[in-house]
Protein backbone atom coordinates (compact mmCIF):
# COMPACT_ATOMS: atom_id res chain seq x y z
CA UNK A 1 64.45 -22.80 -70.52
CA UNK A 2 62.47 -19.57 -69.92
CA UNK A 3 62.31 -16.93 -72.54
CA UNK A 4 64.59 -13.98 -71.53
CA UNK A 5 61.99 -11.58 -72.82
CA UNK A 6 59.32 -12.77 -70.35
CA UNK A 7 61.45 -13.16 -67.23
CA UNK A 8 60.79 -10.35 -64.67
CA UNK A 9 63.83 -8.28 -63.75
CA UNK A 10 65.45 -9.04 -60.37
CA UNK A 11 64.59 -6.80 -57.41
CA UNK A 12 67.20 -4.23 -56.45
CA UNK A 13 69.41 -5.41 -53.63
CA UNK A 14 68.38 -2.39 -51.54
CA UNK A 15 64.61 -3.33 -51.51
CA UNK A 16 63.23 -4.22 -48.01
CA UNK A 17 59.76 -5.00 -46.55
CA UNK A 18 57.91 -2.09 -44.95
CA UNK A 19 58.61 -1.66 -41.24
CA UNK A 20 56.18 -3.13 -38.67
CA UNK A 21 54.24 -0.73 -36.47
CA UNK A 22 55.94 0.12 -33.20
CA UNK A 23 53.05 -1.33 -31.15
CA UNK A 24 50.02 -3.47 -31.93
CA UNK A 25 46.81 -1.44 -32.17
CA UNK A 26 44.66 -1.60 -29.09
CA UNK A 27 41.31 -0.32 -27.95
CA UNK A 28 37.74 -0.85 -29.10
CA UNK A 29 37.57 -2.39 -32.56
CA UNK A 30 41.24 -3.43 -32.62
CA UNK A 31 42.07 -7.06 -33.47
CA UNK A 32 42.90 -9.06 -30.34
CA UNK A 33 43.45 -12.70 -29.70
CA UNK A 34 41.38 -12.64 -26.51
CA UNK A 35 38.87 -10.14 -25.12
CA UNK A 36 40.31 -7.61 -22.67
CA UNK A 37 40.20 -8.51 -19.00
CA UNK A 38 37.52 -6.80 -16.89
CA UNK A 39 38.77 -3.41 -15.83
CA UNK A 40 41.65 -3.32 -18.36
CA UNK A 41 39.81 -0.78 -20.49
CA UNK A 42 38.38 1.65 -17.92
CA UNK A 43 35.33 3.72 -18.82
CA UNK A 44 34.99 7.22 -17.42
CA UNK A 45 31.28 7.15 -16.58
CA UNK A 46 31.38 10.75 -15.33
CA UNK A 47 31.47 11.90 -18.96
CA UNK A 48 28.42 9.87 -19.97
CA UNK A 49 24.82 11.17 -20.03
CA UNK A 50 23.01 10.47 -16.75
CA UNK A 51 20.61 7.87 -18.18
CA UNK A 52 23.48 5.87 -19.71
CA UNK A 53 25.68 6.36 -16.63
CA UNK A 54 22.97 5.01 -14.32
CA UNK A 55 22.53 1.95 -16.55
CA UNK A 56 26.29 1.26 -16.74
CA UNK A 57 26.83 1.69 -13.01
CA UNK A 58 23.76 -0.30 -11.97
CA UNK A 59 24.67 -3.57 -10.23
CA UNK A 60 23.97 -6.83 -12.03
CA UNK A 61 20.74 -8.58 -10.98
CA UNK A 62 21.09 -10.95 -8.05
CA UNK A 63 19.41 -14.35 -8.51
CA UNK A 64 17.68 -16.41 -5.81
CA UNK A 65 17.51 -20.12 -6.59
CA UNK A 66 13.96 -21.35 -5.92
CA UNK A 67 14.23 -24.60 -7.90
CA UNK A 68 12.98 -27.79 -6.26
CA UNK A 69 15.95 -30.13 -6.60
CA UNK A 70 13.98 -33.00 -5.06
CA UNK A 71 11.52 -32.85 -7.99
CA UNK A 72 14.09 -32.45 -10.77
CA UNK A 73 13.43 -35.94 -12.16
CA UNK A 74 9.79 -34.96 -12.77
CA UNK A 75 8.40 -37.36 -10.15
CA UNK A 76 6.48 -35.93 -7.22
CA UNK A 77 6.43 -38.89 -4.85
CA UNK A 78 4.24 -39.34 -1.81
CA UNK A 79 6.51 -38.95 1.25
CA UNK A 80 4.73 -41.89 2.88
CA UNK A 81 4.36 -44.58 0.20
CA UNK A 82 6.33 -43.25 -2.80
CA UNK A 83 3.40 -43.28 -5.25
CA UNK A 84 3.23 -40.59 -7.95
CA UNK A 85 -0.57 -40.23 -8.13
CA UNK A 86 -0.61 -36.83 -6.44
CA UNK A 87 -3.44 -34.32 -6.64
CA UNK A 88 -4.49 -31.11 -4.95
CA UNK A 89 -7.22 -31.59 -2.37
CA UNK A 90 -10.10 -29.46 -3.74
CA UNK A 91 -10.58 -26.17 -1.96
CA UNK A 92 -7.26 -26.25 -0.09
CA UNK A 93 -3.49 -25.90 -0.49
CA UNK A 94 -3.05 -29.55 0.53
CA UNK A 95 -1.64 -32.28 -1.72
CA UNK A 96 -3.08 -35.78 -1.35
CA UNK A 97 -1.77 -39.16 -2.47
CA UNK A 98 -4.50 -41.01 -4.34
CA UNK A 99 -2.94 -44.35 -3.39
CA UNK A 100 -2.53 -44.19 0.40
CA UNK A 101 -4.58 -40.96 1.02
CA UNK A 102 -1.68 -39.31 2.83
CA UNK A 103 -1.96 -35.50 2.89
CA UNK A 104 0.67 -32.80 3.22
CA UNK A 105 0.86 -29.04 2.79
CA UNK A 106 3.11 -27.34 0.25
CA UNK A 107 5.77 -25.08 1.73
CA UNK A 108 4.97 -21.38 1.50
CA UNK A 109 7.44 -19.71 -0.83
CA UNK A 110 7.67 -16.55 1.26
CA UNK A 111 8.71 -18.50 4.34
CA UNK A 112 11.06 -20.78 2.41
CA UNK A 113 13.07 -17.97 0.78
CA UNK A 114 12.38 -14.95 3.01
CA UNK A 115 10.59 -12.97 0.33
CA UNK A 116 8.61 -11.00 2.91
CA UNK A 117 11.69 -9.66 4.68
CA UNK A 118 14.02 -6.72 4.18
CA UNK A 119 11.92 -4.84 1.63
CA UNK A 120 13.07 -1.47 2.99
CA UNK A 121 16.69 -2.60 2.53
CA UNK A 122 16.39 -3.70 -1.10
CA UNK A 123 19.14 -2.44 -3.41
CA UNK A 124 19.45 -3.09 -7.12
CA UNK A 125 17.47 -5.84 -8.82
CA UNK A 126 16.88 -9.22 -7.16
CA UNK A 127 15.33 -11.85 -9.44
CA UNK A 128 14.15 -15.29 -8.35
CA UNK A 129 15.32 -18.08 -10.64
CA UNK A 130 11.85 -18.69 -12.09
CA UNK A 131 11.63 -15.02 -13.12
CA UNK A 132 14.90 -14.84 -15.03
CA UNK A 133 14.97 -13.80 -18.68
CA UNK A 134 13.39 -16.15 -21.20
CA UNK A 135 15.84 -17.66 -23.67
CA UNK A 136 14.77 -17.16 -27.29
CA UNK A 137 15.93 -20.66 -28.26
CA UNK A 138 14.47 -22.47 -25.24
CA UNK A 139 12.60 -25.63 -26.19
CA UNK A 140 9.01 -26.25 -25.13
CA UNK A 141 9.36 -30.05 -25.19
CA UNK A 142 10.74 -31.65 -22.03
CA UNK A 143 11.80 -35.31 -21.93
CA UNK A 144 12.05 -37.45 -18.80
CA UNK A 145 13.33 -40.95 -18.28
CA UNK A 146 10.84 -42.93 -16.25
CA UNK A 147 12.41 -44.24 -13.05
CA UNK A 148 9.91 -47.06 -12.93
CA UNK A 149 10.38 -48.70 -16.34
CA UNK A 150 13.05 -46.66 -18.14
CA UNK A 151 10.74 -45.39 -20.90
CA UNK A 152 11.04 -41.88 -22.35
CA UNK A 153 8.18 -39.55 -21.41
CA UNK A 154 7.73 -36.21 -23.23
CA UNK A 155 5.82 -33.17 -21.94
CA UNK A 156 4.98 -30.25 -24.23
CA UNK A 157 4.99 -27.22 -21.93
CA UNK A 158 3.01 -25.20 -24.46
CA UNK A 159 -0.19 -26.97 -23.39
CA UNK A 160 0.54 -29.22 -20.40
CA UNK A 161 2.72 -29.43 -17.30
CA UNK A 162 2.10 -33.07 -16.43
CA UNK A 163 2.08 -36.38 -18.32
CA UNK A 164 1.73 -40.08 -17.58
CA UNK A 165 4.11 -42.87 -18.59
CA UNK A 166 2.07 -45.01 -20.98
CA UNK A 167 3.94 -48.15 -19.85
CA UNK A 168 3.96 -48.11 -16.06
CA UNK A 169 1.45 -45.26 -15.41
CA UNK A 170 3.86 -43.10 -13.38
CA UNK A 171 2.84 -39.41 -13.40
CA UNK A 172 5.48 -36.82 -14.35
CA UNK A 173 5.38 -33.06 -13.80
CA UNK A 174 7.62 -30.33 -15.16
CA UNK A 175 9.18 -29.11 -11.91
CA UNK A 176 12.62 -28.22 -13.25
CA UNK A 177 12.90 -24.51 -14.01
CA UNK A 178 13.51 -24.10 -17.72
CA UNK A 179 14.32 -20.98 -19.72
CA UNK A 180 11.05 -20.83 -21.69
CA UNK A 181 8.98 -19.18 -18.95
CA UNK A 182 6.72 -22.17 -18.29
CA UNK A 183 7.86 -22.93 -14.73
CA UNK A 184 7.46 -20.12 -12.14
CA UNK A 185 8.83 -19.83 -8.61
CA UNK A 186 5.48 -20.30 -6.90
CA UNK A 187 1.83 -21.18 -7.40
CA UNK A 188 -1.28 -20.01 -5.57
CA UNK A 189 -3.66 -23.00 -5.64
CA UNK A 190 -7.37 -22.79 -6.48
CA UNK A 191 -9.75 -22.61 -3.50
CA UNK A 192 -12.99 -21.88 -5.38
CA UNK A 193 -14.37 -25.09 -6.88
CA UNK A 194 -15.84 -25.26 -10.37
CA UNK A 195 -19.48 -25.61 -9.20
CA UNK A 196 -19.08 -22.46 -7.13
CA UNK A 197 -17.52 -20.58 -10.07
CA UNK A 198 -20.36 -21.68 -12.38
CA UNK A 199 -22.96 -20.43 -9.88
CA UNK A 200 -21.21 -17.07 -9.52
CA UNK A 201 -20.98 -16.57 -13.29
CA UNK A 202 -24.63 -17.52 -13.75
CA UNK A 203 -25.70 -15.05 -11.05
CA UNK A 204 -23.56 -12.31 -12.63
CA UNK A 205 -25.15 -12.82 -16.06
CA UNK A 206 -28.72 -13.15 -14.71
CA UNK A 207 -28.51 -9.62 -13.28
CA UNK A 208 -27.69 -8.30 -16.75
CA UNK A 209 -29.80 -10.64 -18.87
CA UNK A 210 -32.42 -8.01 -19.73
CA UNK A 211 -30.02 -6.04 -21.93
CA UNK A 212 -27.80 -8.95 -23.06
CA UNK A 213 -27.33 -9.80 -26.71
CA UNK A 214 -29.80 -12.45 -27.87
CA UNK A 215 -27.09 -14.70 -29.34
CA UNK A 216 -25.17 -14.52 -26.05
CA UNK A 217 -28.21 -15.60 -24.04
CA UNK A 218 -28.84 -18.50 -26.40
CA UNK A 219 -25.23 -19.71 -26.28
CA UNK A 220 -24.54 -18.97 -22.61
CA UNK A 221 -23.17 -22.15 -21.01
CA UNK A 222 -21.39 -21.35 -17.74
CA UNK A 223 -20.40 -25.01 -17.33
CA UNK A 224 -17.76 -24.31 -20.01
CA UNK A 225 -15.83 -22.12 -17.59
CA UNK A 226 -12.12 -23.00 -17.53
CA UNK A 227 -9.74 -22.92 -14.56
CA UNK A 228 -6.59 -21.14 -15.70
CA UNK A 229 -3.35 -20.35 -13.92
CA UNK A 230 -2.27 -16.94 -15.22
CA UNK A 231 1.40 -15.84 -15.08
CA UNK A 232 2.25 -12.83 -12.93
CA UNK A 233 5.37 -11.15 -11.63
CA UNK A 234 5.03 -10.40 -7.92
CA UNK A 235 7.23 -7.42 -7.09
CA UNK A 236 8.60 -5.99 -3.86
CA UNK A 237 10.01 -2.50 -4.15
CA UNK A 238 11.91 0.14 -2.18
CA UNK A 239 11.49 3.60 -3.70
CA UNK A 240 11.44 7.35 -3.16
CA UNK A 241 9.52 10.04 -5.03
CA UNK A 242 9.45 13.82 -5.27
CA UNK A 243 6.40 15.67 -6.59
CA UNK A 244 5.91 19.40 -7.09
CA UNK A 245 3.06 21.54 -8.35
CA UNK A 246 0.50 24.19 -7.45
CA UNK A 247 -2.21 24.01 -4.82
CA UNK A 248 -5.17 26.38 -4.49
CA UNK A 249 -7.17 27.49 -1.44
CA UNK A 250 -10.43 29.29 -2.23
CA UNK A 251 -10.82 32.66 -0.54
CA UNK A 252 -14.22 33.76 -1.86
CA UNK A 253 -16.83 33.22 -4.60
CA UNK A 254 -19.23 35.73 -6.13
CA UNK A 255 -21.80 35.93 -8.93
CA UNK A 256 -22.17 38.68 -11.49
CA UNK A 257 -24.79 39.26 -14.16
CA UNK A 258 -28.35 38.01 -14.42
CA UNK A 259 -30.33 35.51 -16.43
CA UNK A 260 -28.38 33.69 -19.10
CA UNK A 261 -25.40 35.99 -18.50
CA UNK A 262 -25.01 35.02 -14.86
CA UNK A 263 -21.47 33.92 -14.04
CA UNK A 264 -19.88 32.66 -10.84
CA UNK A 265 -16.25 33.56 -10.12
CA UNK A 266 -13.86 32.12 -7.58
CA UNK A 267 -10.84 33.77 -5.97
CA UNK A 268 -8.08 31.57 -4.61
CA UNK A 269 -4.61 31.80 -3.15
CA UNK A 270 -2.09 29.77 -5.16
CA UNK A 271 0.79 28.02 -3.38
CA UNK A 272 3.86 26.15 -4.53
CA UNK A 273 3.57 22.60 -3.15
CA UNK A 274 6.46 20.14 -2.88
CA UNK A 275 6.46 16.72 -1.27
CA UNK A 276 8.99 13.92 -0.76
CA UNK A 277 8.01 10.39 0.22
CA UNK A 278 9.95 7.19 0.92
CA UNK A 279 7.86 4.05 0.60
CA UNK A 280 7.89 0.32 -0.01
CA UNK A 281 5.55 -1.99 -1.90
CA UNK A 282 4.93 -5.60 -0.96
CA UNK A 283 3.66 -8.18 -3.47
CA UNK A 284 2.61 -5.86 -6.30
CA UNK A 285 1.19 -8.06 -9.13
CA UNK A 286 2.08 -7.38 -12.78
CA UNK A 287 0.77 -9.47 -15.69
CA UNK A 288 3.72 -11.23 -17.34
CA UNK A 289 1.75 -12.48 -20.36
CA UNK A 290 1.80 -10.25 -23.41
CA UNK A 291 -1.69 -11.42 -24.41
CA UNK A 292 -3.24 -10.67 -21.02
CA UNK A 293 -1.33 -7.40 -20.75
CA UNK A 294 -2.96 -6.19 -23.96
CA UNK A 295 -5.71 -3.89 -22.66
CA UNK A 296 -7.06 -2.79 -26.05
CA UNK A 297 -10.76 -2.39 -25.23
CA UNK A 298 -11.62 -2.56 -28.94
CA UNK A 299 -10.38 -6.16 -29.16
CA UNK A 300 -10.89 -7.74 -25.72
CA UNK A 301 -11.94 -7.17 -22.13
CA UNK A 302 -8.69 -8.26 -20.45
CA UNK A 303 -9.04 -5.31 -18.06
CA UNK A 304 -11.77 -7.35 -16.35
CA UNK A 305 -9.11 -9.58 -14.79
CA UNK A 306 -7.59 -6.62 -12.92
CA UNK A 307 -10.94 -5.96 -11.26
CA UNK A 308 -10.90 -9.27 -9.37
CA UNK A 309 -7.67 -8.42 -7.55
CA UNK A 310 -6.26 -8.80 -4.96
CA UNK A 311 -4.96 -12.32 -4.48
CA UNK A 312 -3.60 -13.56 -1.15
CA UNK A 313 -0.11 -14.05 -2.59
CA UNK A 314 1.34 -14.44 0.92
CA UNK A 315 -0.11 -17.97 0.89
CA UNK A 316 1.56 -19.02 -2.39
CA UNK A 317 3.48 -22.28 -2.17
CA UNK A 318 6.69 -23.49 -3.79
CA UNK A 319 6.20 -24.59 -7.37
CA UNK A 320 4.86 -28.10 -7.77
CA UNK A 321 3.27 -29.21 -11.06
CA UNK A 322 0.83 -31.44 -9.17
CA UNK A 323 -1.24 -28.35 -8.35
CA UNK A 324 -1.94 -27.91 -12.07
CA UNK A 325 -3.59 -31.30 -12.61
CA UNK A 326 -7.09 -30.64 -13.95
CA UNK A 327 -6.34 -27.00 -14.85
CA UNK A 328 -4.71 -25.18 -17.72
CA UNK A 329 -1.97 -22.56 -17.58
CA UNK A 330 -0.56 -19.76 -19.70
CA UNK A 331 3.18 -19.37 -20.15
CA UNK A 332 5.04 -16.23 -19.17
CA UNK A 333 6.49 -14.33 -22.15
CA UNK A 334 7.58 -11.05 -20.54
CA UNK A 335 10.89 -10.44 -18.75
CA UNK A 336 11.74 -8.05 -15.94
CA UNK A 337 12.93 -5.29 -18.28
CA UNK A 338 9.72 -5.49 -20.32
CA UNK A 339 7.69 -4.90 -17.17
CA UNK A 340 9.87 -2.24 -15.54
CA UNK A 341 8.14 0.78 -17.21
CA UNK A 342 4.76 -0.45 -16.00
CA UNK A 343 6.16 -0.97 -12.51
CA UNK A 344 7.44 2.61 -12.45
CA UNK A 345 4.03 3.93 -13.54
CA UNK A 346 2.37 2.09 -10.69
CA UNK A 347 5.00 3.23 -8.19
CA UNK A 348 4.34 6.85 -9.19
CA UNK A 349 0.62 6.31 -8.67
CA UNK A 350 1.35 4.90 -5.21
CA UNK A 351 3.58 7.89 -4.42
CA UNK A 352 0.77 10.32 -5.32
CA UNK A 353 -1.63 8.48 -3.04
CA UNK A 354 0.97 8.53 -0.25
CA UNK A 355 1.11 12.35 -0.24
CA UNK A 356 -2.63 12.84 -0.73
CA UNK A 357 -3.32 13.12 2.99
CA UNK A 358 -0.85 15.97 3.41
CA UNK A 359 -2.44 18.25 0.77
CA UNK A 360 -6.08 18.17 1.85
CA UNK A 361 -5.92 21.78 3.04
CA UNK A 362 -5.79 22.87 -0.59
CA UNK A 363 -9.54 22.76 -1.06
CA UNK A 364 -9.44 23.43 -4.80
CA UNK A 365 -6.92 20.64 -5.31
CA UNK A 366 -3.28 20.29 -6.31
CA UNK A 367 -2.00 20.05 -9.86
CA UNK A 368 1.25 18.07 -9.91
CA UNK A 369 3.53 19.48 -12.59
CA UNK A 370 6.82 17.72 -11.82
CA UNK A 371 7.40 14.14 -10.67
CA UNK A 372 10.60 12.22 -10.02
CA UNK A 373 10.83 8.57 -9.01
CA UNK A 374 13.92 6.81 -7.70
CA UNK A 375 13.73 3.04 -7.38
CA UNK A 376 16.37 1.90 -4.89
CA UNK A 377 15.71 -1.81 -5.19
CA UNK A 378 13.24 -4.41 -6.45
CA UNK A 379 12.65 -8.13 -5.99
CA UNK A 380 10.85 -10.14 -8.69
CA UNK A 381 9.12 -13.49 -8.18
CA UNK A 382 7.26 -15.38 -10.92
CA UNK A 383 3.93 -16.82 -9.80
CA UNK A 384 0.84 -18.56 -11.18
CA UNK A 385 -2.45 -17.08 -9.93
CA UNK A 386 -5.80 -18.94 -10.20
CA UNK A 387 -8.68 -17.55 -12.29
CA UNK A 388 -11.88 -19.13 -13.55
CA UNK A 389 -12.55 -17.72 -17.05
CA UNK A 390 -15.65 -17.75 -19.20
CA UNK A 391 -15.29 -16.23 -22.67
CA UNK A 392 -17.65 -15.23 -25.48
CA UNK A 393 -16.67 -13.89 -28.90
CA UNK A 394 -18.99 -11.21 -30.22
CA UNK A 395 -18.74 -10.98 -34.03
CA UNK A 396 -18.19 -7.54 -35.49
CA UNK A 397 -15.84 -5.27 -37.34
CA UNK A 398 -12.06 -5.74 -37.07
CA UNK A 399 -12.43 -9.27 -35.75
CA UNK A 400 -15.14 -8.56 -33.21
CA UNK A 401 -14.76 -8.33 -29.44
CA UNK A 402 -13.77 -11.04 -26.95
CA UNK A 403 -15.75 -10.80 -23.71
CA UNK A 404 -14.56 -12.35 -20.44
CA UNK A 405 -16.23 -13.11 -17.15
CA UNK A 406 -13.60 -13.83 -14.49
CA UNK A 407 -13.82 -15.35 -11.01
CA UNK A 408 -10.95 -15.00 -8.54
CA UNK A 409 -9.94 -18.59 -7.78
CA UNK A 410 -9.23 -17.73 -4.14
CA UNK A 411 -11.84 -15.18 -3.03
CA UNK A 412 -14.67 -15.73 -5.52
CA UNK A 413 -14.71 -12.07 -6.56
CA UNK A 414 -16.52 -11.94 -9.91
CA UNK A 415 -16.52 -9.37 -12.68
CA UNK A 416 -17.13 -9.55 -16.39
CA UNK A 417 -18.31 -8.07 -19.64
CA UNK A 418 -21.67 -9.03 -21.13
CA UNK A 419 -22.45 -8.07 -24.76
CA UNK A 420 -25.55 -5.88 -24.81
CA UNK A 421 -28.17 -4.83 -27.37
CA UNK A 422 -27.63 -1.12 -27.88
CA UNK A 423 -31.22 -0.36 -28.82
CA UNK A 424 -32.47 -1.71 -25.50
CA UNK A 425 -30.06 0.53 -23.60
CA UNK A 426 -31.17 3.54 -25.64
CA UNK A 427 -34.84 2.75 -25.07
CA UNK A 428 -34.27 2.38 -21.33
CA UNK A 429 -32.42 5.71 -21.21
CA UNK A 430 -35.22 7.49 -23.07
CA UNK A 431 -37.86 5.91 -20.84
CA UNK A 432 -35.97 6.89 -17.69
CA UNK A 433 -35.50 10.44 -19.00
CA UNK A 434 -39.20 10.81 -19.81
CA UNK A 435 -40.17 9.50 -16.37
CA UNK A 436 -37.84 11.91 -14.56
CA UNK A 437 -39.08 14.80 -16.69
CA UNK A 438 -42.69 13.93 -15.80
CA UNK A 439 -41.82 13.86 -12.10
CA UNK A 440 -40.15 17.26 -12.35
CA UNK A 441 -43.21 18.80 -14.08
CA UNK A 442 -45.53 17.27 -11.48
CA UNK A 443 -43.36 18.70 -8.69
CA UNK A 444 -43.44 22.20 -10.22
CA UNK A 445 -47.21 22.08 -10.65
CA UNK A 446 -47.69 20.92 -7.06
CA UNK A 447 -45.46 23.69 -5.63
CA UNK A 448 -47.23 26.46 -7.58
C-alpha cells in the first residue's frame, strides 16, 4: 500500500490539454509527410536578383541518347562472321575483323544524331548522354558476363577500355555509357601511324638540338611516344554579344623640341563605338580533363596541346571501344557547368573578332570598355581526340617542369617544348648583338 505522504495529489477536474493549432504549419521548413507537389509553392521570380532569376527560370538540360544498345553486352561482333577480334585498320576510320578480314566503317556521330543541324535554333542546354554529369560514387570497375563461356570478365576503366576473357579469348569493350566519365559519345580515330609520329618528333627536336639541355639529348627516345585519346567537350553554340567602347581616328601628328627633348604628339578624334553581333559556333573544343586544362606554365607545358588544333571533328564516329585497342585514354573529370565559364570567355573572344572588320576605320584602334554576352543555347558532346605525346621531366625547383611534344593524330601538326641550356641562349644573343652592332658601325663608316 503506498505511503500517503508520497502519493502525488490528484489533478483538478478542470485541467485540460492545451488546444491544438488551428492549422498545421506549412511552407519552407515546416514538417510535412510528403514533399510539396511541383507548383504548389509558387516562387515569385520577379522579386529575385537577375542572376538568380535567370538560373531559376532556365530550362532543364535536354539529353540526347547516344548509347550503342547493340554493344551493351561489351561484345563488338563482326557483322559477317560474329567474331570479337576487332581492330581499327591503321590510318583509317575502318574497323576490321581479324578472323575473316571483313571491313566496315563506323557511323559518323554527326550524321547519326544530327549534331550539325539547327545550331542557330538552339535554346537552353542540350547535353548528349556521354556528356552528362559525372556521378561522385560511380565505380571504375565494370563486370561483364561472357556470352561464349559464361565467365565473369572485369575491366578497370581507370586504365583500360577493353579486356579479353581468359577462358574463351572473347574480347570485351566498355561500350555502355557509365556515369564515371570514361565513355564518351564519339571518338575520332588515329590516322597518323606511330612511325610517322616518331619521325615528326625527331625532326622537331633536331631543329632545336643546338640549344637543348644535355640530359634531354642523352635521354631523348622518340620511340617512347604514346598514342593517347584525350577527352574533350565539343560545343555548338547560339549566342549574341554587345560591345561598347571608344575608337580613335588620327587627325594629325607633330614634333616639338630638339635633341633628347624631342617629342612627337598625335591629335585624334574620339568616337563612341557600339556593336551588336549574333553568331553561332560549330564544334568548339574544350578540354574536359582537369589535368590537361591546367595551363600553369611553371609546372607543365599543357598549352602545347592547344597549338596542334584543329581536329576534323566532323568525321568523328559513334563510340566503339575497339578503336582504343593499342592506345591509352584519359578519363573526363569535368562537367558542363565546370566548363561553362571557359566557354563564355571563348565566345566573347569570337564576338570581338566578329566585329573587328567593322571598326577598321578607327586607325588608332578601339578600346572596348563594356561587353555583354547572351548565350541562347548550347549543345555539348563528349569526344575522344587522338594525340601522340612525348614527355620529358626536367628536374628543378617546385617539382621541376614537365615538357611535352605533341602530334595531332589526324593532321600530323607538331608542336612541343624542348628544355634548353640558358647560357647557350645568352651567348647566342650576345653574339648576334655584337654582329649587328658591327654591321651598323661598318654601314656608318661607309656612308660617311
